[in-house]
Amino acid sequence: MANTVSSIKRMRVTERRTEVNRMRRSRLRTQVRAMRRLLDAKDAKAAEALTPSTFSMIDRSAKWGIIKKNTAARYKSRLTLRLRKLTAA
């Protein structure tokens, strides 16, 4: 258990930040999941419409430190590849 005033405050701050990060990670996963479902359903038009907002969410999550930069790049790369395959077919 925290003893000093500053360590007690750090615990409170950490709890608040943890909650914010949990919410942001949940939003990111929901957004990516929606994009993947559209790609699985072969709905190219809707997937293209959702791409900018999904990539924006991925980039913001990387900026906030929710995910790492390389993870963000990998997500975007794989989603783009699947979208291109779908639109080419």
PDB file of N, CA and C in Angstrom:
ATOM      1  N   MET A   1       0.843  -1.184   0.000  1.00  0.00           N
ATOM      2  CA  MET A   1       0.000   0.000   0.000  1.00  0.00           C
ATOM      3  C   MET A   1       0.885   1.243   0.000  1.00  0.00           C
ATOM      4  N   ALA A   2       0.405   2.286  -0.690  1.00  0.00           N
ATOM      5  CA  ALA A   2       1.163   3.532  -0.777  1.00  0.00           C
ATOM      6  C   ALA A   2       1.184   4.243   0.573  1.00  0.00           C
ATOM      7  N   ASN A   3       2.339   4.851   0.865  1.00  0.00           N
ATOM      8  CA  ASN A   3       2.498   5.514   2.155  1.00  0.00           C
ATOM      9  C   ASN A   3       2.509   7.037   2.042  1.00  0.00           C
ATOM     10  N   THR A   4       3.197   7.556   1.052  1.00  0.00           N
ATOM     11  CA  THR A   4       3.348   9.004   0.958  1.00  0.00           C
ATOM     12  C   THR A   4       2.202   9.627   0.170  1.00  0.00           C
ATOM     13  N   VAL A   5       2.050  10.917   0.336  1.00  0.00           N
ATOM     14  CA  VAL A   5       0.992  11.650  -0.359  1.00  0.00           C
ATOM     15  C   VAL A   5       1.190  11.553  -1.867  1.00  0.00           C
ATOM     16  N   SER A   6       2.445  11.704  -2.301  1.00  0.00           N
ATOM     17  CA  SER A   6       2.708  11.671  -3.743  1.00  0.00           C
ATOM     18  C   SER A   6       2.437  10.286  -4.335  1.00  0.00           C
ATOM     19  N   SER A   7       2.757   9.229  -3.591  1.00  0.00           N
ATOM     20  CA  SER A   7       2.496   7.890  -4.116  1.00  0.00           C
ATOM     21  C   SER A   7       1.005   7.577  -4.143  1.00  0.00           C
ATOM     22  N   ILE A   8       0.262   8.112  -3.199  1.00  0.00           N
ATOM     23  CA  ILE A   8      -1.201   7.950  -3.204  1.00  0.00           C
ATOM     24  C   ILE A   8      -1.793   8.656  -4.419  1.00  0.00           C
ATOM     25  N   LYS A   9      -1.289   9.861  -4.698  1.00  0.00           N
ATOM     26  CA  LYS A   9      -1.763  10.589  -5.874  1.00  0.00           C
ATOM     27  C   LYS A   9      -1.426   9.823  -7.148  1.00  0.00           C
ATOM     28  N   ARG A  10      -0.212   9.275  -7.229  1.00  0.00           N
ATOM     29  CA  ARG A  10       0.187   8.526  -8.426  1.00  0.00           C
ATOM     30  C   ARG A  10      -0.736   7.332  -8.635  1.00  0.00           C
ATOM     31  N   MET A  11      -1.158   6.702  -7.559  1.00  0.00           N
ATOM     32  CA  MET A  11      -2.091   5.580  -7.673  1.00  0.00           C
ATOM     33  C   MET A  11      -3.422   6.038  -8.264  1.00  0.00           C
ATOM     34  N   ARG A  12      -3.921   7.191  -7.795  1.00  0.00           N
ATOM     35  CA  ARG A  12      -5.182   7.713  -8.320  1.00  0.00           C
ATOM     36  C   ARG A  12      -5.054   8.040  -9.804  1.00  0.00           C
ATOM     37  N   VAL A  13      -3.957   8.706 -10.170  1.00  0.00           N
ATOM     38  CA  VAL A  13      -3.729   9.080 -11.568  1.00  0.00           C
ATOM     39  C   VAL A  13      -3.628   7.830 -12.433  1.00  0.00           C
ATOM     40  N   THR A  14      -2.897   6.839 -11.951  1.00  0.00           N
ATOM     41  CA  THR A  14      -2.718   5.596 -12.701  1.00  0.00           C
ATOM     42  C   THR A  14      -4.053   4.896 -12.937  1.00  0.00           C
ATOM     43  N   GLU A  15      -4.896   4.887 -11.936  1.00  0.00           N
ATOM     44  CA  GLU A  15      -6.216   4.266 -12.094  1.00  0.00           C
ATOM     45  C   GLU A  15      -7.037   4.980 -13.169  1.00  0.00           C
ATOM     46  N   ARG A  16      -7.004   6.316 -13.154  1.00  0.00           N
ATOM     47  CA  ARG A  16      -7.755   7.075 -14.168  1.00  0.00           C
ATOM     48  C   ARG A  16      -7.193   6.822 -15.560  1.00  0.00           C
ATOM     49  N   ARG A  17      -5.878   6.858 -15.702  1.00  0.00           N
ATOM     50  CA  ARG A  17      -5.253   6.657 -17.013  1.00  0.00           C
ATOM     51  C   ARG A  17      -5.505   5.241 -17.527  1.00  0.00           C
ATOM     52  N   THR A  18      -5.480   4.267 -16.610  1.00  0.00           N
ATOM     53  CA  THR A  18      -5.742   2.882 -16.989  1.00  0.00           C
ATOM     54  C   THR A  18      -7.142   2.749 -17.571  1.00  0.00           C
ATOM     55  N   GLU A  19      -8.088   3.410 -16.945  1.00  0.00           N
ATOM     56  CA  GLU A  19      -9.475   3.361 -17.427  1.00  0.00           C
ATOM     57  C   GLU A  19      -9.590   3.998 -18.813  1.00  0.00           C
ATOM     58  N   VAL A  20      -8.932   5.134 -19.012  1.00  0.00           N
ATOM     59  CA  VAL A  20      -8.951   5.810 -20.316  1.00  0.00           C
ATOM     60  C   VAL A  20      -8.320   4.925 -21.379  1.00  0.00           C
ATOM     61  N   ASN A  21      -7.180   4.332 -21.045  1.00  0.00           N
ATOM     62  CA  ASN A  21      -6.495   3.461 -22.007  1.00  0.00           C
ATOM     63  C   ASN A  21      -7.327   2.236 -22.337  1.00  0.00           C
ATOM     64  N   ARG A  22      -8.021   1.703 -21.346  1.00  0.00           N
ATOM     65  CA  ARG A  22      -8.885   0.532 -21.579  1.00  0.00           C
ATOM     66  C   ARG A  22     -10.014   0.897 -22.554  1.00  0.00           C
ATOM     67  N   MET A  23     -10.588   2.081 -22.360  1.00  0.00           N
ATOM     68  CA  MET A  23     -11.659   2.542 -23.242  1.00  0.00           C
ATOM     69  C   MET A  23     -11.134   2.725 -24.671  1.00  0.00           C
ATOM     70  N   ARG A  24      -9.959   3.347 -24.793  1.00  0.00           N
ATOM     71  CA  ARG A  24      -9.397   3.592 -26.124  1.00  0.00           C
ATOM     72  C   ARG A  24      -9.041   2.286 -26.824  1.00  0.00           C
ATOM     73  N   ARG A  25      -8.482   1.338 -26.091  1.00  0.00           N
ATOM     74  CA  ARG A  25      -8.139   0.041 -26.684  1.00  0.00           C
ATOM     75  C   ARG A  25      -9.396  -0.684 -27.145  1.00  0.00           C
ATOM     76  N   SER A  26     -10.465  -0.570 -26.370  1.00  0.00           N
ATOM     77  CA  SER A  26     -11.734  -1.200 -26.728  1.00  0.00           C
ATOM     78  C   SER A  26     -12.291  -0.592 -28.014  1.00  0.00           C
ATOM     79  N   ARG A  27     -12.233   0.736 -28.121  1.00  0.00           N
ATOM     80  CA  ARG A  27     -12.715   1.403 -29.337  1.00  0.00           C
ATOM     81  C   ARG A  27     -11.905   0.971 -30.554  1.00  0.00           C
ATOM     82  N   LEU A  28     -10.594   0.883 -30.381  1.00  0.00           N
ATOM     83  CA  LEU A  28      -9.723   0.458 -31.474  1.00  0.00           C
ATOM     84  C   LEU A  28     -10.100  -0.943 -31.936  1.00  0.00           C
ATOM     85  N   ARG A  29     -10.236  -1.854 -31.004  1.00  0.00           N
ATOM     86  CA  ARG A  29     -10.542  -3.238 -31.358  1.00  0.00           C
ATOM     87  C   ARG A  29     -11.907  -3.340 -32.045  1.00  0.00           C
ATOM     88  N   THR A  30     -12.865  -2.571 -31.565  1.00  0.00           N
ATOM     89  CA  THR A  30     -14.195  -2.580 -32.170  1.00  0.00           C
ATOM     90  C   THR A  30     -14.124  -2.087 -33.608  1.00  0.00           C
ATOM     91  N   GLN A  31     -13.360  -1.026 -33.839  1.00  0.00           N
ATOM     92  CA  GLN A  31     -13.230  -0.447 -35.170  1.00  0.00           C
ATOM     93  C   GLN A  31     -12.558  -1.427 -36.131  1.00  0.00           C
ATOM     94  N   VAL A  32     -11.467  -2.040 -35.678  1.00  0.00           N
ATOM     95  CA  VAL A  32     -10.740  -2.995 -36.524  1.00  0.00           C
ATOM     96  C   VAL A  32     -11.612  -4.216 -36.794  1.00  0.00           C
ATOM     97  N   ARG A  33     -12.355  -4.658 -35.786  1.00  0.00           N
ATOM     98  CA  ARG A  33     -13.240  -5.803 -35.946  1.00  0.00           C
ATOM     99  C   ARG A  33     -14.331  -5.507 -36.981  1.00  0.00           C
ATOM    100  N   ALA A  34     -14.876  -4.301 -36.956  1.00  0.00           N
ATOM    101  CA  ALA A  34     -15.908  -3.921 -37.931  1.00  0.00           C
ATOM    102  C   ALA A  34     -15.339  -3.950 -39.348  1.00  0.00           C
ATOM    103  N   MET A  35     -14.114  -3.444 -39.491  1.00  0.00           N
ATOM    104  CA  MET A  35     -13.462  -3.438 -40.800  1.00  0.00           C
ATOM    105  C   MET A  35     -13.228  -4.866 -41.294  1.00  0.00           C
ATOM    106  N   ARG A  36     -12.757  -5.734 -40.407  1.00  0.00           N
ATOM    107  CA  ARG A  36     -12.501  -7.128 -40.793  1.00  0.00           C
ATOM    108  C   ARG A  36     -13.789  -7.850 -41.168  1.00  0.00           C
ATOM    109  N   ARG A  37     -14.875  -7.542 -40.464  1.00  0.00           N
ATOM    110  CA  ARG A  37     -16.159  -8.180 -40.796  1.00  0.00           C
ATOM    111  C   ARG A  37     -16.636  -7.773 -42.186  1.00  0.00           C
ATOM    112  N   LEU A  38     -16.442  -6.501 -42.530  1.00  0.00           N
ATOM    113  CA  LEU A  38     -16.815  -6.047 -43.871  1.00  0.00           C
ATOM    114  C   LEU A  38     -15.962  -6.737 -44.936  1.00  0.00           C
ATOM    115  N   LEU A  39     -14.688  -6.899 -44.651  1.00  0.00           N
ATOM    116  CA  LEU A  39     -13.806  -7.574 -45.605  1.00  0.00           C
ATOM    117  C   LEU A  39     -14.180  -9.046 -45.735  1.00  0.00           C
ATOM    118  N   ASP A  40     -14.535  -9.687 -44.622  1.00  0.00           N
ATOM    119  CA  ASP A  40     -14.968 -11.079 -44.673  1.00  0.00           C
ATOM    120  C   ASP A  40     -16.271 -11.225 -45.449  1.00  0.00           C
ATOM    121  N   ALA A  41     -17.134 -10.230 -45.333  1.00  0.00           N
ATOM    122  CA  ALA A  41     -18.422 -10.260 -46.027  1.00  0.00           C
ATOM    123  C   ALA A  41     -18.288  -9.837 -47.486  1.00  0.00           C
ATOM    124  N   LYS A  42     -17.062  -9.477 -47.887  1.00  0.00           N
ATOM    125  CA  LYS A  42     -16.757  -9.054 -49.258  1.00  0.00           C
ATOM    126  C   LYS A  42     -17.549  -7.805 -49.670  1.00  0.00           C
ATOM    127  N   ASP A  43     -17.728  -6.907 -48.730  1.00  0.00           N
ATOM    128  CA  ASP A  43     -18.409  -5.638 -48.977  1.00  0.00           C
ATOM    129  C   ASP A  43     -17.354  -4.549 -49.194  1.00  0.00           C
ATOM    130  N   ALA A  44     -16.849  -4.475 -50.423  1.00  0.00           N
ATOM    131  CA  ALA A  44     -15.729  -3.580 -50.725  1.00  0.00           C
ATOM    132  C   ALA A  44     -16.113  -2.111 -50.569  1.00  0.00           C
ATOM    133  N   LYS A  45     -17.312  -1.777 -50.976  1.00  0.00           N
ATOM    134  CA  LYS A  45     -17.732  -0.368 -50.927  1.00  0.00           C
ATOM    135  C   LYS A  45     -17.793   0.147 -49.483  1.00  0.00           C
ATOM    136  N   ALA A  46     -18.402  -0.631 -48.609  1.00  0.00           N
ATOM    137  CA  ALA A  46     -18.500  -0.233 -47.204  1.00  0.00           C
ATOM    138  C   ALA A  46     -17.123  -0.258 -46.538  1.00  0.00           C
ATOM    139  N   ALA A  47     -16.291  -1.217 -46.901  1.00  0.00           N
ATOM    140  CA  ALA A  47     -14.944  -1.305 -46.327  1.00  0.00           C
ATOM    141  C   ALA A  47     -14.110  -0.098 -46.727  1.00  0.00           C
ATOM    142  N   GLU A  48     -14.240   0.329 -47.977  1.00  0.00           N
ATOM    143  CA  GLU A  48     -13.514   1.525 -48.423  1.00  0.00           C
ATOM    144  C   GLU A  48     -13.995   2.763 -47.676  1.00  0.00           C
ATOM    145  N   ALA A  49     -15.278   2.827 -47.408  1.00  0.00           N
ATOM    146  CA  ALA A  49     -15.825   3.976 -46.684  1.00  0.00           C
ATOM    147  C   ALA A  49     -15.342   3.996 -45.227  1.00  0.00           C
ATOM    148  N   LEU A  50     -15.131   2.820 -44.652  1.00  0.00           N
ATOM    149  CA  LEU A  50     -14.710   2.719 -43.251  1.00  0.00           C
ATOM    150  C   LEU A  50     -13.197   2.838 -43.079  1.00  0.00           C
ATOM    151  N   THR A  51     -12.443   2.696 -44.160  1.00  0.00           N
ATOM    152  CA  THR A  51     -10.980   2.699 -44.087  1.00  0.00           C
ATOM    153  C   THR A  51     -10.392   3.971 -43.463  1.00  0.00           C
ATOM    154  N   PRO A  52     -10.770   5.178 -43.892  1.00  0.00           N
ATOM    155  CA  PRO A  52     -10.146   6.365 -43.291  1.00  0.00           C
ATOM    156  C   PRO A  52     -10.349   6.476 -41.782  1.00  0.00           C
ATOM    157  N   SER A  53     -11.540   6.192 -41.315  1.00  0.00           N
ATOM    158  CA  SER A  53     -11.785   6.296 -39.877  1.00  0.00           C
ATOM    159  C   SER A  53     -11.038   5.202 -39.101  1.00  0.00           C
ATOM    160  N   THR A  54     -10.930   4.016 -39.709  1.00  0.00           N
ATOM    161  CA  THR A  54     -10.198   2.932 -39.056  1.00  0.00           C
ATOM    162  C   THR A  54      -8.717   3.259 -38.956  1.00  0.00           C
ATOM    163  N   PHE A  55      -8.144   3.753 -40.048  1.00  0.00           N
ATOM    164  CA  PHE A  55      -6.720   4.099 -40.046  1.00  0.00           C
ATOM    165  C   PHE A  55      -6.446   5.256 -39.099  1.00  0.00           C
ATOM    166  N   SER A  56      -7.383   6.190 -39.025  1.00  0.00           N
ATOM    167  CA  SER A  56      -7.237   7.302 -38.100  1.00  0.00           C
ATOM    168  C   SER A  56      -7.215   6.797 -36.660  1.00  0.00           C
ATOM    169  N   MET A  57      -8.098   5.872 -36.346  1.00  0.00           N
ATOM    170  CA  MET A  57      -8.150   5.292 -35.004  1.00  0.00           C
ATOM    171  C   MET A  57      -6.865   4.532 -34.691  1.00  0.00           C
ATOM    172  N   ILE A  58      -6.350   3.800 -35.665  1.00  0.00           N
ATOM    173  CA  ILE A  58      -5.103   3.053 -35.474  1.00  0.00           C
ATOM    174  C   ILE A  58      -3.948   4.014 -35.219  1.00  0.00           C
ATOM    175  N   ASP A  59      -3.865   5.079 -36.024  1.00  0.00           N
ATOM    176  CA  ASP A  59      -2.779   6.050 -35.857  1.00  0.00           C
ATOM    177  C   ASP A  59      -2.856   6.762 -34.504  1.00  0.00           C
ATOM    178  N   ARG A  60      -4.053   7.134 -34.093  1.00  0.00           N
ATOM    179  CA  ARG A  60      -4.212   7.802 -32.804  1.00  0.00           C
ATOM    180  C   ARG A  60      -3.834   6.874 -31.655  1.00  0.00           C
ATOM    181  N   SER A  61      -4.196   5.605 -31.781  1.00  0.00           N
ATOM    182  CA  SER A  61      -3.853   4.638 -30.737  1.00  0.00           C
ATOM    183  C   SER A  61      -2.340   4.481 -30.619  1.00  0.00           C
ATOM    184  N   ALA A  62      -1.650   4.492 -31.754  1.00  0.00           N
ATOM    185  CA  ALA A  62      -0.188   4.408 -31.724  1.00  0.00           C
ATOM    186  C   ALA A  62       0.406   5.667 -31.101  1.00  0.00           C
ATOM    187  N   LYS A  63      -0.179   6.812 -31.413  1.00  0.00           N
ATOM    188  CA  LYS A  63       0.309   8.072 -30.857  1.00  0.00           C
ATOM    189  C   LYS A  63       0.141   8.106 -29.338  1.00  0.00           C
ATOM    190  N   TRP A  64      -0.977   7.597 -28.849  1.00  0.00           N
ATOM    191  CA  TRP A  64      -1.267   7.589 -27.420  1.00  0.00           C
ATOM    192  C   TRP A  64      -0.482   6.522 -26.666  1.00  0.00           C
ATOM    193  N   GLY A  65       0.104   5.577 -27.403  1.00  0.00           N
ATOM    194  CA  GLY A  65       0.845   4.509 -26.749  1.00  0.00           C
ATOM    195  C   GLY A  65      -0.011   3.307 -26.399  1.00  0.00           C
ATOM    196  N   ILE A  66      -1.205   3.244 -26.955  1.00  0.00           N
ATOM    197  CA  ILE A  66      -2.071   2.092 -26.716  1.00  0.00           C
ATOM    198  C   ILE A  66      -1.497   0.871 -27.431  1.00  0.00           C
ATOM    199  N   ILE A  67      -1.019   1.074 -28.653  1.00  0.00           N
ATOM    200  CA  ILE A  67      -0.306   0.046 -29.400  1.00  0.00           C
ATOM    201  C   ILE A  67       1.002   0.655 -29.893  1.00  0.00           C
ATOM    202  N   LYS A  68       1.931  -0.201 -30.280  1.00  0.00           N
ATOM    203  CA  LYS A  68       3.221   0.288 -30.774  1.00  0.00           C
ATOM    204  C   LYS A  68       3.099   0.699 -32.230  1.00  0.00           C
ATOM    205  N   LYS A  69       4.073   1.492 -32.685  1.00  0.00           N
ATOM    206  CA  LYS A  69       4.046   1.998 -34.061  1.00  0.00           C
ATOM    207  C   LYS A  69       4.070   0.865 -35.080  1.00  0.00           C
ATOM    208  N   ASN A  70       4.900  -0.136 -34.848  1.00  0.00           N
ATOM    209  CA  ASN A  70       4.986  -1.249 -35.794  1.00  0.00           C
ATOM    210  C   ASN A  70       3.692  -2.060 -35.830  1.00  0.00           C
ATOM    211  N   THR A  71       3.039  -2.170 -34.701  1.00  0.00           N
ATOM    212  CA  THR A  71       1.753  -2.865 -34.649  1.00  0.00           C
ATOM    213  C   THR A  71       0.725  -2.106 -35.469  1.00  0.00           C
ATOM    214  N   ALA A  72       0.724  -0.791 -35.340  1.00  0.00           N
ATOM    215  CA  ALA A  72      -0.190   0.040 -36.117  1.00  0.00           C
ATOM    216  C   ALA A  72       0.092  -0.119 -37.608  1.00  0.00           C
ATOM    217  N   ALA A  73       1.356  -0.105 -37.975  1.00  0.00           N
ATOM    218  CA  ALA A  73       1.731  -0.261 -39.379  1.00  0.00           C
ATOM    219  C   ALA A  73       1.306  -1.627 -39.903  1.00  0.00           C
ATOM    220  N   ARG A  74       1.448  -2.650 -39.078  1.00  0.00           N
ATOM    221  CA  ARG A  74       1.060  -4.004 -39.483  1.00  0.00           C
ATOM    222  C   ARG A  74      -0.453  -4.101 -39.687  1.00  0.00           C
ATOM    223  N   TYR A  75      -1.228  -3.538 -38.759  1.00  0.00           N
ATOM    224  CA  TYR A  75      -2.687  -3.535 -38.908  1.00  0.00           C
ATOM    225  C   TYR A  75      -3.091  -2.864 -40.219  1.00  0.00           C
ATOM    226  N   LYS A  76      -2.543  -1.678 -40.462  1.00  0.00           N
ATOM    227  CA  LYS A  76      -2.911  -0.922 -41.659  1.00  0.00           C
ATOM    228  C   LYS A  76      -2.486  -1.661 -42.925  1.00  0.00           C
ATOM    229  N   SER A  77      -1.307  -2.251 -42.890  1.00  0.00           N
ATOM    230  CA  SER A  77      -0.805  -2.967 -44.048  1.00  0.00           C
ATOM    231  C   SER A  77      -1.691  -4.169 -44.394  1.00  0.00           C
ATOM    232  N   ARG A  78      -2.034  -4.941 -43.387  1.00  0.00           N
ATOM    233  CA  ARG A  78      -2.846  -6.142 -43.628  1.00  0.00           C
ATOM    234  C   ARG A  78      -4.262  -5.796 -44.071  1.00  0.00           C
ATOM    235  N   LEU A  79      -4.833  -4.755 -43.485  1.00  0.00           N
ATOM    236  CA  LEU A  79      -6.170  -4.344 -43.896  1.00  0.00           C
ATOM    237  C   LEU A  79      -6.158  -3.818 -45.332  1.00  0.00           C
ATOM    238  N   THR A  80      -5.128  -3.041 -45.673  1.00  0.00           N
ATOM    239  CA  THR A  80      -5.011  -2.499 -47.025  1.00  0.00           C
ATOM    240  C   THR A  80      -4.849  -3.621 -48.034  1.00  0.00           C
ATOM    241  N   LEU A  81      -4.018  -4.607 -47.698  1.00  0.00           N
ATOM    242  CA  LEU A  81      -3.789  -5.740 -48.594  1.00  0.00           C
ATOM    243  C   LEU A  81      -5.091  -6.491 -48.854  1.00  0.00           C
ATOM    244  N   ARG A  82      -5.853  -6.748 -47.795  1.00  0.00           N
ATOM    245  CA  ARG A  82      -7.124  -7.452 -47.961  1.00  0.00           C
ATOM    246  C   ARG A  82      -8.116  -6.635 -48.782  1.00  0.00           C
ATOM    247  N   LEU A  83      -8.126  -5.318 -48.568  1.00  0.00           N
ATOM    248  CA  LEU A  83      -9.034  -4.450 -49.316  1.00  0.00           C
ATOM    249  C   LEU A  83      -8.670  -4.429 -50.798  1.00  0.00           C
ATOM    250  N   ARG A  84      -7.377  -4.357 -51.100  1.00  0.00           N
ATOM    251  CA  ARG A  84      -6.934  -4.356 -52.502  1.00  0.00           C
ATOM    252  C   ARG A  84      -7.277  -5.651 -53.211  1.00  0.00           C
ATOM    253  N   LYS A  85      -7.120  -6.777 -52.495  1.00  0.00           N
ATOM    254  CA  LYS A  85      -7.473  -8.073 -53.082  1.00  0.00           C
ATOM    255  C   LYS A  85      -8.966  -8.124 -53.380  1.00  0.00           C
ATOM    256  N   LEU A  86      -9.747  -7.563 -52.475  1.00  0.00           N
ATOM    257  CA  LEU A  86     -11.197  -7.574 -52.640  1.00  0.00           C
ATOM    258  C   LEU A  86     -11.639  -6.707 -53.798  1.00  0.00           C
ATOM    259  N   THR A  87     -11.056  -5.516 -53.925  1.00  0.00           N
ATOM    260  CA  THR A  87     -11.456  -4.604 -54.993  1.00  0.00           C
ATOM    261  C   THR A  87     -10.931  -5.075 -56.349  1.00  0.00           C
ATOM    262  N   ALA A  88      -9.810  -5.802 -56.362  1.00  0.00           N
ATOM    263  CA  ALA A  88      -9.254  -6.305 -57.622  1.00  0.00           C
ATOM    264  C   ALA A  88     -10.105  -7.457 -58.166  1.00  0.00           C
ATOM    265  N   ALA A  89     -10.724  -8.210 -57.283  1.00  0.00           N
ATOM    266  CA  ALA A  89     -11.506  -9.371 -57.707  1.00  0.00           C
ATOM    267  C   ALA A  89     -12.843  -8.983 -58.314  1.00  0.00           C
TER     268      ALA A  89
END
